[in-house]
Amino acid sequence: MDSRRITVIHATEASMAPVTDAFDRNWSEAELTHILDDGLSRDRQRQPQLTDDLRRRIHRLAAYAADCGAEAVLFACSAFGDAIEAAARQMAIPVLKPNEAMFRAALDCGDELALLVTFEPAGPAMAAEFGELANRAQPSARLTTVYVPGALDALRRGDESKHNSLIAAAAGRVSGADAIMLGQFSMACANADCESAASVPVFTSPDAAVGQLRSLLHGN
């Protein structure tokens, strides 16, 4: 039985169900644990850049997961890429950012990609991460980032239907893209609506991240 203990660290409660569903679909044998610091997203939103305090907080969360027996850590928060990379360099276990696997899958579709986000600070952070990857793997790639206002607030109020419809409407307005990426784990519930609204492939991060993590721990 493949019962590796994996800890997922969240900055919002809304990302917990999508990542749990992704593990159920792709790696149900894993022993999944969650850590939620729902102040992270609020504190990040107040800061134009990642602060030293936020960087230390990300590292402490990863270290706590390791102390509790995690064999790998997956961050489900998209606005902390640099801090997650710094934490990973100091840890003896794998520590993964949420979106690299999704980026790679979308790049296989072509050079023109669109990224939808519902948490505004995630946009620049993810665009920078994408740019670093594309410069190495596919320099001709170009990214358009679209912020979808109101969607995350709707989800936090429990109005998933409104959340999904706002994102799907934004996906339907995208033109000239070879693929669309939904930038946060919490957006995965809008995938079906986006696929109906868009004429190009739509990618979400939870399934791609779980697949990457499983391959990493199995050495293939």
Foldseek 3Di string as FASTA:
>chain_A
DPAAEEEEEELAPLLPVLLVVLCVVPPVNYRYHYHYDVCLLVVVLVDLADDPVSLVVLLVVVVVCVVVPHQEYEYQDQLCVVSQVVSQVVDPHHYDYQPPLVLVVQVVQDQFEEEEEARVSNQVSVVVVSCVVCVVPPVSHDYHYHHQYPLVVCVVVVNNVVNLVSVLVVLLPDPDGQEYEYRGSSNVVNLVSNVVRHPHYYYYRSNSVVVVVVCVVVVD
